[in-house]
Amino acid sequence: MACEYNDENLIKYLINHGADINKGIDYFTPLIIACKNNNENIVKILIENGADVNKGSDYFTPLIMACENNYENIVKILIDH
């Protein structure tokens, strides 16, 4: 939910307190949600703290989500990692 609401402070808090940043809800990991929301800062925070850029579901990966929405800045970040 923190990624859905673009709450950087809560995301940092959760990471610092051991939250699994690769575990999502339904088909969406936190990184996929950050990509869907085109939130470059949160994408960077998640990746810097070990988010798996290749982890996805049967329907989406972070890269597919960014590409489908034409978020070139997010695509570049994902490819660079």
PDB file of N, CA and C in Angstrom:
ATOM      1  N   MET A   1       0.812  -1.195   0.000  1.00  0.00           N
ATOM      2  CA  MET A   1       0.000   0.000   0.000  1.00  0.00           C
ATOM      3  C   MET A   1       0.859   1.264   0.000  1.00  0.00           C
ATOM      4  N   ALA A   2       2.022   1.189   0.634  1.00  0.00           N
ATOM      5  CA  ALA A   2       2.894   2.370   0.676  1.00  0.00           C
ATOM      6  C   ALA A   2       3.298   2.788  -0.732  1.00  0.00           C
ATOM      7  N   CYS A   3       3.558   1.807  -1.607  1.00  0.00           N
ATOM      8  CA  CYS A   3       3.932   2.140  -2.990  1.00  0.00           C
ATOM      9  C   CYS A   3       2.738   2.688  -3.758  1.00  0.00           C
ATOM     10  N   GLU A   4       1.578   2.133  -3.506  1.00  0.00           N
ATOM     11  CA  GLU A   4       0.376   2.596  -4.204  1.00  0.00           C
ATOM     12  C   GLU A   4       0.090   4.061  -3.895  1.00  0.00           C
ATOM     13  N   TYR A   5       0.386   4.473  -2.659  1.00  0.00           N
ATOM     14  CA  TYR A   5       0.130   5.855  -2.256  1.00  0.00           C
ATOM     15  C   TYR A   5       1.370   6.738  -2.336  1.00  0.00           C
ATOM     16  N   ASN A   6       2.436   6.212  -2.961  1.00  0.00           N
ATOM     17  CA  ASN A   6       3.679   6.977  -3.166  1.00  0.00           C
ATOM     18  C   ASN A   6       4.236   7.550  -1.863  1.00  0.00           C
ATOM     19  N   ASP A   7       4.179   6.761  -0.804  1.00  0.00           N
ATOM     20  CA  ASP A   7       4.618   7.207   0.517  1.00  0.00           C
ATOM     21  C   ASP A   7       6.074   6.786   0.756  1.00  0.00           C
ATOM     22  N   GLU A   8       7.005   7.641   0.328  1.00  0.00           N
ATOM     23  CA  GLU A   8       8.429   7.321   0.434  1.00  0.00           C
ATOM     24  C   GLU A   8       8.868   7.104   1.874  1.00  0.00           C
ATOM     25  N   ASN A   9       8.376   7.904   2.795  1.00  0.00           N
ATOM     26  CA  ASN A   9       8.775   7.755   4.196  1.00  0.00           C
ATOM     27  C   ASN A   9       8.343   6.407   4.760  1.00  0.00           C
ATOM     28  N   LEU A  10       7.137   5.987   4.451  1.00  0.00           N
ATOM     29  CA  LEU A  10       6.658   4.694   4.930  1.00  0.00           C
ATOM     30  C   LEU A  10       7.442   3.559   4.280  1.00  0.00           C
ATOM     31  N   ILE A  11       7.753   3.688   3.009  1.00  0.00           N
ATOM     32  CA  ILE A  11       8.543   2.663   2.323  1.00  0.00           C
ATOM     33  C   ILE A  11       9.905   2.522   2.988  1.00  0.00           C
ATOM     34  N   LYS A  12      10.570   3.633   3.256  1.00  0.00           N
ATOM     35  CA  LYS A  12      11.874   3.585   3.929  1.00  0.00           C
ATOM     36  C   LYS A  12      11.747   2.968   5.319  1.00  0.00           C
ATOM     37  N   TYR A  13      10.706   3.324   6.040  1.00  0.00           N
ATOM     38  CA  TYR A  13      10.465   2.762   7.369  1.00  0.00           C
ATOM     39  C   TYR A  13      10.303   1.246   7.286  1.00  0.00           C
ATOM     40  N   LEU A  14       9.474   0.794   6.358  1.00  0.00           N
ATOM     41  CA  LEU A  14       9.231  -0.639   6.214  1.00  0.00           C
ATOM     42  C   LEU A  14      10.508  -1.387   5.839  1.00  0.00           C
ATOM     43  N   ILE A  15      11.283  -0.829   4.933  1.00  0.00           N
ATOM     44  CA  ILE A  15      12.551  -1.452   4.541  1.00  0.00           C
ATOM     45  C   ILE A  15      13.477  -1.542   5.748  1.00  0.00           C
ATOM     46  N   ASN A  16      13.596  -0.457   6.494  1.00  0.00           N
ATOM     47  CA  ASN A  16      14.478  -0.431   7.667  1.00  0.00           C
ATOM     48  C   ASN A  16      14.030  -1.383   8.769  1.00  0.00           C
ATOM     49  N   HIS A  17      12.772  -1.785   8.737  1.00  0.00           N
ATOM     50  CA  HIS A  17      12.253  -2.702   9.747  1.00  0.00           C
ATOM     51  C   HIS A  17      12.021  -4.110   9.188  1.00  0.00           C
ATOM     52  N   GLY A  18      12.695  -4.426   8.089  1.00  0.00           N
ATOM     53  CA  GLY A  18      12.733  -5.797   7.598  1.00  0.00           C
ATOM     54  C   GLY A  18      11.632  -6.253   6.676  1.00  0.00           C
ATOM     55  N   ALA A  19      10.879  -5.347   6.120  1.00  0.00           N
ATOM     56  CA  ALA A  19       9.818  -5.752   5.188  1.00  0.00           C
ATOM     57  C   ALA A  19      10.425  -6.425   3.960  1.00  0.00           C
ATOM     58  N   ASP A  20       9.736  -7.424   3.439  1.00  0.00           N
ATOM     59  CA  ASP A  20      10.156  -8.112   2.218  1.00  0.00           C
ATOM     60  C   ASP A  20       9.719  -7.260   1.028  1.00  0.00           C
ATOM     61  N   ILE A  21      10.683  -6.581   0.402  1.00  0.00           N
ATOM     62  CA  ILE A  21      10.326  -5.651  -0.672  1.00  0.00           C
ATOM     63  C   ILE A  21      10.012  -6.344  -1.990  1.00  0.00           C
ATOM     64  N   ASN A  22      10.152  -7.669  -2.028  1.00  0.00           N
ATOM     65  CA  ASN A  22       9.785  -8.403  -3.233  1.00  0.00           C
ATOM     66  C   ASN A  22       8.426  -9.083  -3.104  1.00  0.00           C
ATOM     67  N   LYS A  23       7.804  -8.959  -1.945  1.00  0.00           N
ATOM     68  CA  LYS A  23       6.502  -9.579  -1.732  1.00  0.00           C
ATOM     69  C   LYS A  23       5.408  -8.560  -2.020  1.00  0.00           C
ATOM     70  N   GLY A  24       4.501  -8.949  -2.873  1.00  0.00           N
ATOM     71  CA  GLY A  24       3.443  -8.027  -3.253  1.00  0.00           C
ATOM     72  C   GLY A  24       2.067  -8.538  -2.910  1.00  0.00           C
ATOM     73  N   ILE A  25       1.097  -7.846  -3.444  1.00  0.00           N
ATOM     74  CA  ILE A  25      -0.306  -8.203  -3.271  1.00  0.00           C
ATOM     75  C   ILE A  25      -0.839  -8.625  -4.633  1.00  0.00           C
ATOM     76  N   ASP A  26      -1.510  -9.743  -4.658  1.00  0.00           N
ATOM     77  CA  ASP A  26      -2.039 -10.295  -5.900  1.00  0.00           C
ATOM     78  C   ASP A  26      -0.915 -10.454  -6.918  1.00  0.00           C
ATOM     79  N   TYR A  27      -1.003  -9.761  -8.026  1.00  0.00           N
ATOM     80  CA  TYR A  27      -0.019  -9.913  -9.097  1.00  0.00           C
ATOM     81  C   TYR A  27       1.045  -8.833  -9.089  1.00  0.00           C
ATOM     82  N   PHE A  28       1.023  -7.944  -8.133  1.00  0.00           N
ATOM     83  CA  PHE A  28       1.898  -6.780  -8.173  1.00  0.00           C
ATOM     84  C   PHE A  28       2.896  -6.752  -7.024  1.00  0.00           C
ATOM     85  N   THR A  29       4.181  -6.701  -7.371  1.00  0.00           N
ATOM     86  CA  THR A  29       5.215  -6.470  -6.371  1.00  0.00           C
ATOM     87  C   THR A  29       5.269  -4.966  -6.108  1.00  0.00           C
ATOM     88  N   PRO A  30       5.907  -4.556  -5.014  1.00  0.00           N
ATOM     89  CA  PRO A  30       6.050  -3.113  -4.793  1.00  0.00           C
ATOM     90  C   PRO A  30       6.725  -2.405  -5.968  1.00  0.00           C
ATOM     91  N   LEU A  31       7.713  -3.065  -6.590  1.00  0.00           N
ATOM     92  CA  LEU A  31       8.396  -2.435  -7.722  1.00  0.00           C
ATOM     93  C   LEU A  31       7.466  -2.276  -8.921  1.00  0.00           C
ATOM     94  N   ILE A  32       6.641  -3.252  -9.180  1.00  0.00           N
ATOM     95  CA  ILE A  32       5.676  -3.127 -10.281  1.00  0.00           C
ATOM     96  C   ILE A  32       4.720  -1.962 -10.010  1.00  0.00           C
ATOM     97  N   ILE A  33       4.278  -1.832  -8.773  1.00  0.00           N
ATOM     98  CA  ILE A  33       3.369  -0.731  -8.423  1.00  0.00           C
ATOM     99  C   ILE A  33       4.063   0.615  -8.604  1.00  0.00           C
ATOM    100  N   ALA A  34       5.315   0.708  -8.157  1.00  0.00           N
ATOM    101  CA  ALA A  34       6.062   1.962  -8.330  1.00  0.00           C
ATOM    102  C   ALA A  34       6.234   2.286  -9.812  1.00  0.00           C
ATOM    103  N   CYS A  35       6.456   1.260 -10.632  1.00  0.00           N
ATOM    104  CA  CYS A  35       6.579   1.476 -12.082  1.00  0.00           C
ATOM    105  C   CYS A  35       5.244   1.922 -12.669  1.00  0.00           C
ATOM    106  N   LYS A  36       4.170   1.290 -12.228  1.00  0.00           N
ATOM    107  CA  LYS A  36       2.829   1.667 -12.708  1.00  0.00           C
ATOM    108  C   LYS A  36       2.528   3.127 -12.397  1.00  0.00           C
ATOM    109  N   ASN A  37       2.993   3.587 -11.237  1.00  0.00           N
ATOM    110  CA  ASN A  37       2.745   4.966 -10.813  1.00  0.00           C
ATOM    111  C   ASN A  37       3.774   5.952 -11.349  1.00  0.00           C
ATOM    112  N   ASN A  38       4.731   5.453 -12.126  1.00  0.00           N
ATOM    113  CA  ASN A  38       5.778   6.299 -12.710  1.00  0.00           C
ATOM    114  C   ASN A  38       6.513   7.094 -11.627  1.00  0.00           C
ATOM    115  N   ASN A  39       6.788   6.416 -10.504  1.00  0.00           N
ATOM    116  CA  ASN A  39       7.450   7.087  -9.394  1.00  0.00           C
ATOM    117  C   ASN A  39       8.929   6.712  -9.384  1.00  0.00           C
ATOM    118  N   GLU A  40       9.718   7.553 -10.027  1.00  0.00           N
ATOM    119  CA  GLU A  40      11.146   7.304 -10.198  1.00  0.00           C
ATOM    120  C   GLU A  40      11.870   7.183  -8.855  1.00  0.00           C
ATOM    121  N   ASN A  41      11.552   8.028  -7.902  1.00  0.00           N
ATOM    122  CA  ASN A  41      12.222   7.978  -6.599  1.00  0.00           C
ATOM    123  C   ASN A  41      11.976   6.659  -5.888  1.00  0.00           C
ATOM    124  N   ILE A  42      10.748   6.193  -5.887  1.00  0.00           N
ATOM    125  CA  ILE A  42      10.441   4.937  -5.208  1.00  0.00           C
ATOM    126  C   ILE A  42      11.058   3.764  -5.950  1.00  0.00           C
ATOM    127  N   VAL A  43      11.055   3.793  -7.266  1.00  0.00           N
ATOM    128  CA  VAL A  43      11.726   2.738  -8.035  1.00  0.00           C
ATOM    129  C   VAL A  43      13.188   2.657  -7.611  1.00  0.00           C
ATOM    130  N   LYS A  44      13.850   3.794  -7.523  1.00  0.00           N
ATOM    131  CA  LYS A  44      15.262   3.817  -7.123  1.00  0.00           C
ATOM    132  C   LYS A  44      15.448   3.308  -5.697  1.00  0.00           C
ATOM    133  N   ILE A  45      14.596   3.739  -4.780  1.00  0.00           N
ATOM    134  CA  ILE A  45      14.693   3.285  -3.386  1.00  0.00           C
ATOM    135  C   ILE A  45      14.569   1.769  -3.317  1.00  0.00           C
ATOM    136  N   LEU A  46      13.589   1.223  -4.004  1.00  0.00           N
ATOM    137  CA  LEU A  46      13.375  -0.222  -3.970  1.00  0.00           C
ATOM    138  C   LEU A  46      14.559  -0.978  -4.562  1.00  0.00           C
ATOM    139  N   ILE A  47      15.045  -0.533  -5.704  1.00  0.00           N
ATOM    140  CA  ILE A  47      16.179  -1.205  -6.343  1.00  0.00           C
ATOM    141  C   ILE A  47      17.423  -1.106  -5.470  1.00  0.00           C
ATOM    142  N   GLU A  48      17.688   0.064  -4.918  1.00  0.00           N
ATOM    143  CA  GLU A  48      18.863   0.252  -4.063  1.00  0.00           C
ATOM    144  C   GLU A  48      18.813  -0.629  -2.820  1.00  0.00           C
ATOM    145  N   ASN A  49      17.621  -1.053  -2.448  1.00  0.00           N
ATOM    146  CA  ASN A  49      17.467  -1.890  -1.263  1.00  0.00           C
ATOM    147  C   ASN A  49      17.188  -3.349  -1.602  1.00  0.00           C
ATOM    148  N   GLY A  50      17.491  -3.734  -2.838  1.00  0.00           N
ATOM    149  CA  GLY A  50      17.457  -5.142  -3.205  1.00  0.00           C
ATOM    150  C   GLY A  50      16.235  -5.659  -3.915  1.00  0.00           C
ATOM    151  N   ALA A  51      15.364  -4.791  -4.375  1.00  0.00           N
ATOM    152  CA  ALA A  51      14.201  -5.271  -5.125  1.00  0.00           C
ATOM    153  C   ALA A  51      14.674  -5.978  -6.389  1.00  0.00           C
ATOM    154  N   ASP A  52      14.047  -7.092  -6.698  1.00  0.00           N
ATOM    155  CA  ASP A  52      14.377  -7.881  -7.881  1.00  0.00           C
ATOM    156  C   ASP A  52      13.687  -7.261  -9.097  1.00  0.00           C
ATOM    157  N   VAL A  53      14.483  -6.681 -10.000  1.00  0.00           N
ATOM    158  CA  VAL A  53      13.904  -6.002 -11.168  1.00  0.00           C
ATOM    159  C   VAL A  53      13.271  -6.981 -12.150  1.00  0.00           C
ATOM    160  N   ASN A  54      13.550  -8.272 -11.998  1.00  0.00           N
ATOM    161  CA  ASN A  54      12.991  -9.270 -12.907  1.00  0.00           C
ATOM    162  C   ASN A  54      11.795 -10.009 -12.325  1.00  0.00           C
ATOM    163  N   LYS A  55      11.496  -9.785 -11.060  1.00  0.00           N
ATOM    164  CA  LYS A  55      10.391 -10.502 -10.418  1.00  0.00           C
ATOM    165  C   LYS A  55       9.067  -9.919 -10.880  1.00  0.00           C
ATOM    166  N   GLY A  56       8.230 -10.804 -11.339  1.00  0.00           N
ATOM    167  CA  GLY A  56       6.922 -10.376 -11.796  1.00  0.00           C
ATOM    168  C   GLY A  56       5.899 -11.459 -11.563  1.00  0.00           C
ATOM    169  N   SER A  57       4.818 -11.361 -12.260  1.00  0.00           N
ATOM    170  CA  SER A  57       3.741 -12.337 -12.173  1.00  0.00           C
ATOM    171  C   SER A  57       3.563 -12.955 -13.551  1.00  0.00           C
ATOM    172  N   ASP A  58       2.493 -13.694 -13.703  1.00  0.00           N
ATOM    173  CA  ASP A  58       2.180 -14.247 -15.023  1.00  0.00           C
ATOM    174  C   ASP A  58       1.825 -13.152 -16.017  1.00  0.00           C
ATOM    175  N   TYR A  59       1.499 -11.980 -15.519  1.00  0.00           N
ATOM    176  CA  TYR A  59       1.009 -10.906 -16.371  1.00  0.00           C
ATOM    177  C   TYR A  59       1.981  -9.752 -16.556  1.00  0.00           C
ATOM    178  N   PHE A  60       2.738  -9.424 -15.520  1.00  0.00           N
ATOM    179  CA  PHE A  60       3.587  -8.239 -15.571  1.00  0.00           C
ATOM    180  C   PHE A  60       4.950  -8.489 -14.951  1.00  0.00           C
ATOM    181  N   THR A  61       5.926  -7.772 -15.469  1.00  0.00           N
ATOM    182  CA  THR A  61       7.195  -7.553 -14.792  1.00  0.00           C
ATOM    183  C   THR A  61       7.305  -6.037 -14.656  1.00  0.00           C
ATOM    184  N   PRO A  62       8.226  -5.558 -13.840  1.00  0.00           N
ATOM    185  CA  PRO A  62       8.381  -4.101 -13.769  1.00  0.00           C
ATOM    186  C   PRO A  62       8.650  -3.478 -15.146  1.00  0.00           C
ATOM    187  N   LEU A  63       9.491  -4.132 -15.943  1.00  0.00           N
ATOM    188  CA  LEU A  63       9.826  -3.585 -17.261  1.00  0.00           C
ATOM    189  C   LEU A  63       8.612  -3.553 -18.187  1.00  0.00           C
ATOM    190  N   ILE A  64       7.822  -4.604 -18.188  1.00  0.00           N
ATOM    191  CA  ILE A  64       6.624  -4.619 -19.033  1.00  0.00           C
ATOM    192  C   ILE A  64       5.664  -3.506 -18.614  1.00  0.00           C
ATOM    193  N   MET A  65       5.498  -3.328 -17.308  1.00  0.00           N
ATOM    194  CA  MET A  65       4.602  -2.270 -16.822  1.00  0.00           C
ATOM    195  C   MET A  65       5.087  -0.899 -17.295  1.00  0.00           C
ATOM    196  N   ALA A  66       6.382  -0.646 -17.167  1.00  0.00           N
ATOM    197  CA  ALA A  66       6.931   0.650 -17.587  1.00  0.00           C
ATOM    198  C   ALA A  66       6.819   0.834 -19.097  1.00  0.00           C
ATOM    199  N   CYS A  67       7.089  -0.221 -19.853  1.00  0.00           N
ATOM    200  CA  CYS A  67       7.011  -0.127 -21.322  1.00  0.00           C
ATOM    201  C   CYS A  67       5.580   0.114 -21.790  1.00  0.00           C
ATOM    202  N   GLU A  68       4.636  -0.618 -21.226  1.00  0.00           N
ATOM    203  CA  GLU A  68       3.242  -0.466 -21.643  1.00  0.00           C
ATOM    204  C   GLU A  68       2.708   0.938 -21.389  1.00  0.00           C
ATOM    205  N   ASN A  69       3.283   1.616 -20.412  1.00  0.00           N
ATOM    206  CA  ASN A  69       2.835   2.968 -20.085  1.00  0.00           C
ATOM    207  C   ASN A  69       3.739   4.051 -20.664  1.00  0.00           C
ATOM    208  N   ASN A  70       4.714   3.635 -21.460  1.00  0.00           N
ATOM    209  CA  ASN A  70       5.651   4.577 -22.095  1.00  0.00           C
ATOM    210  C   ASN A  70       6.398   5.455 -21.097  1.00  0.00           C
ATOM    211  N   TYR A  71       6.780   4.868 -19.963  1.00  0.00           N
ATOM    212  CA  TYR A  71       7.547   5.591 -18.951  1.00  0.00           C
ATOM    213  C   TYR A  71       9.034   5.375 -19.221  1.00  0.00           C
ATOM    214  N   GLU A  72       9.569   6.149 -20.151  1.00  0.00           N
ATOM    215  CA  GLU A  72      10.946   5.954 -20.603  1.00  0.00           C
ATOM    216  C   GLU A  72      11.961   6.101 -19.477  1.00  0.00           C
ATOM    217  N   ASN A  73      11.723   7.018 -18.554  1.00  0.00           N
ATOM    218  CA  ASN A  73      12.651   7.205 -17.437  1.00  0.00           C
ATOM    219  C   ASN A  73      12.722   5.952 -16.566  1.00  0.00           C
ATOM    220  N   ILE A  74      11.601   5.314 -16.334  1.00  0.00           N
ATOM    221  CA  ILE A  74      11.561   4.092 -15.528  1.00  0.00           C
ATOM    222  C   ILE A  74      12.193   2.933 -16.294  1.00  0.00           C
ATOM    223  N   VAL A  75      11.912   2.837 -17.590  1.00  0.00           N
ATOM    224  CA  VAL A  75      12.514   1.788 -18.419  1.00  0.00           C
ATOM    225  C   VAL A  75      14.031   1.868 -18.339  1.00  0.00           C
ATOM    226  N   LYS A  76      14.575   3.062 -18.454  1.00  0.00           N
ATOM    227  CA  LYS A  76      16.029   3.233 -18.405  1.00  0.00           C
ATOM    228  C   LYS A  76      16.596   2.777 -17.065  1.00  0.00           C
ATOM    229  N   ILE A  77      15.952   3.144 -15.980  1.00  0.00           N
ATOM    230  CA  ILE A  77      16.419   2.722 -14.654  1.00  0.00           C
ATOM    231  C   ILE A  77      16.427   1.201 -14.554  1.00  0.00           C
ATOM    232  N   LEU A  78      15.356   0.569 -14.998  1.00  0.00           N
ATOM    233  CA  LEU A  78      15.258  -0.889 -14.909  1.00  0.00           C
ATOM    234  C   LEU A  78      16.316  -1.575 -15.762  1.00  0.00           C
ATOM    235  N   ILE A  79      16.526  -1.090 -16.966  1.00  0.00           N
ATOM    236  CA  ILE A  79      17.527  -1.693 -17.853  1.00  0.00           C
ATOM    237  C   ILE A  79      18.930  -1.521 -17.287  1.00  0.00           C
ATOM    238  N   ASP A  80      19.183  -0.389 -16.659  1.00  0.00           N
ATOM    239  CA  ASP A  80      20.501  -0.141 -16.074  1.00  0.00           C
ATOM    240  C   ASP A  80      20.792  -1.044 -14.879  1.00  0.00           C
ATOM    241  N   HIS A  81      19.759  -1.675 -14.337  1.00  0.00           N
ATOM    242  CA  HIS A  81      19.952  -2.549 -13.182  1.00  0.00           C
ATOM    243  C   HIS A  81      19.631  -3.978 -13.529  1.00  0.00           C
TER     244      HIS A  81
END
